[in-house]
Amino acid sequence: MDPALIGLLITVVTIGVFALGIPVAFGLGFVAVTFLLLFEGFGMSKVIADTFMEGFNGIYYCLYPNVYCNGNDSCIFTSW
């Protein structure tokens, strides 16, 4: 399939997903995963899973911003 046609199809589907009123991050993720699986096959599901799990490397800092722990099991609780 022509790359320009694929780009146009992705654009139309993305605008359609935005028109549904779902959050932008979920919409873009849905469109990206759908088109990767559609055009690259289900072998890309491992790449998607690896990329998704790499995003959790820094999730500790997002979940607990008010707790600082050092190496000897003592934690300092702060309020921002």
C-alpha atoms as a PDB file:
ATOM      1  CA  MET A   1       0.000   0.000   0.000  1.00  0.00           C
ATOM      2  CA  ASP A   2       1.211   3.494  -0.808  1.00  0.00           C
ATOM      3  CA  PRO A   3       2.717   5.290   2.244  1.00  0.00           C
ATOM      4  CA  ALA A   4       0.743   8.453   1.465  1.00  0.00           C
ATOM      5  CA  LEU A   5      -2.491   6.473   1.521  1.00  0.00           C
ATOM      6  CA  ILE A   6      -1.528   4.864   4.830  1.00  0.00           C
ATOM      7  CA  GLY A   7      -0.798   8.308   6.276  1.00  0.00           C
ATOM      8  CA  LEU A   8      -4.131   9.619   5.075  1.00  0.00           C
ATOM      9  CA  LEU A   9      -5.912   6.598   6.551  1.00  0.00           C
ATOM     10  CA  ILE A  10      -4.169   7.073   9.907  1.00  0.00           C
ATOM     11  CA  THR A  11      -5.098  10.771   9.885  1.00  0.00           C
ATOM     12  CA  VAL A  12      -8.761  10.076   9.149  1.00  0.00           C
ATOM     13  CA  VAL A  13      -8.987   7.348  11.798  1.00  0.00           C
ATOM     14  CA  THR A  14      -7.222   9.563  14.362  1.00  0.00           C
ATOM     15  CA  ILE A  15      -9.634  12.429  13.761  1.00  0.00           C
ATOM     16  CA  GLY A  16     -12.517   9.965  14.002  1.00  0.00           C
ATOM     17  CA  VAL A  17     -11.226   8.647  17.335  1.00  0.00           C
ATOM     18  CA  PHE A  18     -10.856  12.212  18.641  1.00  0.00           C
ATOM     19  CA  ALA A  19     -14.440  12.920  17.571  1.00  0.00           C
ATOM     20  CA  LEU A  20     -15.606  10.150  19.904  1.00  0.00           C
ATOM     21  CA  GLY A  21     -14.464  12.259  22.854  1.00  0.00           C
ATOM     22  CA  ILE A  22     -12.084   9.783  24.472  1.00  0.00           C
ATOM     23  CA  PRO A  23      -8.886  11.121  26.079  1.00  0.00           C
ATOM     24  CA  VAL A  24      -6.111  12.004  23.641  1.00  0.00           C
ATOM     25  CA  ALA A  25      -3.499   9.610  25.063  1.00  0.00           C
ATOM     26  CA  PHE A  26      -5.851   6.631  24.889  1.00  0.00           C
ATOM     27  CA  GLY A  27      -6.979   7.579  21.387  1.00  0.00           C
ATOM     28  CA  LEU A  28      -3.452   7.950  20.045  1.00  0.00           C
ATOM     29  CA  GLY A  29      -2.383   4.719  21.723  1.00  0.00           C
ATOM     30  CA  PHE A  30      -5.344   2.854  20.263  1.00  0.00           C
ATOM     31  CA  VAL A  31      -4.690   4.158  16.744  1.00  0.00           C
ATOM     32  CA  ALA A  32      -0.953   3.448  16.966  1.00  0.00           C
ATOM     33  CA  VAL A  33      -1.348  -0.106  18.254  1.00  0.00           C
ATOM     34  CA  THR A  34      -4.138  -0.864  15.784  1.00  0.00           C
ATOM     35  CA  PHE A  35      -2.166   0.262  12.758  1.00  0.00           C
ATOM     36  CA  LEU A  36       1.048  -1.424  13.930  1.00  0.00           C
ATOM     37  CA  LEU A  37      -0.758  -4.725  14.279  1.00  0.00           C
ATOM     38  CA  LEU A  38      -2.674  -4.191  11.040  1.00  0.00           C
ATOM     39  CA  PHE A  39       0.308  -3.385   8.831  1.00  0.00           C
ATOM     40  CA  GLU A  40       3.190  -5.153  10.597  1.00  0.00           C
ATOM     41  CA  GLY A  41       1.388  -8.236  11.877  1.00  0.00           C
ATOM     42  CA  PHE A  42       1.060  -9.759  15.304  1.00  0.00           C
ATOM     43  CA  GLY A  43       4.837 -10.145  15.578  1.00  0.00           C
ATOM     44  CA  MET A  44       4.858  -6.482  16.584  1.00  0.00           C
ATOM     45  CA  SER A  45       2.933  -7.321  19.758  1.00  0.00           C
ATOM     46  CA  LYS A  46       6.228  -8.267  21.441  1.00  0.00           C
ATOM     47  CA  VAL A  47       7.744  -4.902  20.493  1.00  0.00           C
ATOM     48  CA  ILE A  48       4.648  -3.119  21.790  1.00  0.00           C
ATOM     49  CA  ALA A  49       4.818  -5.039  25.080  1.00  0.00           C
ATOM     50  CA  ASP A  50       8.545  -4.350  25.495  1.00  0.00           C
ATOM     51  CA  THR A  51       8.072  -0.639  24.812  1.00  0.00           C
ATOM     52  CA  PHE A  52       5.125  -0.479  27.209  1.00  0.00           C
ATOM     53  CA  MET A  53       7.039  -2.164  30.014  1.00  0.00           C
ATOM     54  CA  GLU A  54      10.077   0.092  29.519  1.00  0.00           C
ATOM     55  CA  GLY A  55       7.830   3.003  30.405  1.00  0.00           C
ATOM     56  CA  PHE A  56       7.390   1.590  33.890  1.00  0.00           C
ATOM     57  CA  ASN A  57      11.088   1.969  34.750  1.00  0.00           C
ATOM     58  CA  GLY A  58      10.489   5.391  36.282  1.00  0.00           C
ATOM     59  CA  ILE A  59       6.954   4.792  37.541  1.00  0.00           C
ATOM     60  CA  TYR A  60       8.132   4.752  41.168  1.00  0.00           C
ATOM     61  CA  TYR A  61       8.821   8.466  40.968  1.00  0.00           C
ATOM     62  CA  CYS A  62       5.356   9.110  39.570  1.00  0.00           C
ATOM     63  CA  LEU A  63       3.485   7.054  42.154  1.00  0.00           C
ATOM     64  CA  TYR A  64       5.262   8.176  45.320  1.00  0.00           C
ATOM     65  CA  PRO A  65       6.500  11.752  44.875  1.00  0.00           C
ATOM     66  CA  ASN A  66       6.457  12.510  48.626  1.00  0.00           C
ATOM     67  CA  VAL A  67       8.575   9.600  49.856  1.00  0.00           C
ATOM     68  CA  TYR A  68      12.349   9.476  49.637  1.00  0.00           C
ATOM     69  CA  CYS A  69      14.042   6.240  50.690  1.00  0.00           C
ATOM     70  CA  ASN A  70      17.724   5.667  51.131  1.00  0.00           C
ATOM     71  CA  GLY A  71      19.570   2.375  51.089  1.00  0.00           C
ATOM     72  CA  ASN A  72      19.124   1.380  54.752  1.00  0.00           C
ATOM     73  CA  ASP A  73      15.316   1.105  54.777  1.00  0.00           C
ATOM     74  CA  SER A  74      14.622   4.530  56.284  1.00  0.00           C
ATOM     75  CA  CYS A  75      12.239   6.791  54.422  1.00  0.00           C
ATOM     76  CA  ILE A  76      11.603  10.509  54.711  1.00  0.00           C
ATOM     77  CA  PHE A  77       8.032  11.670  54.154  1.00  0.00           C
ATOM     78  CA  THR A  78       7.698  15.211  52.896  1.00  0.00           C
ATOM     79  CA  SER A  79       4.785  17.395  51.953  1.00  0.00           C
ATOM     80  CA  TRP A  80       5.076  19.590  48.899  1.00  0.00           C
END
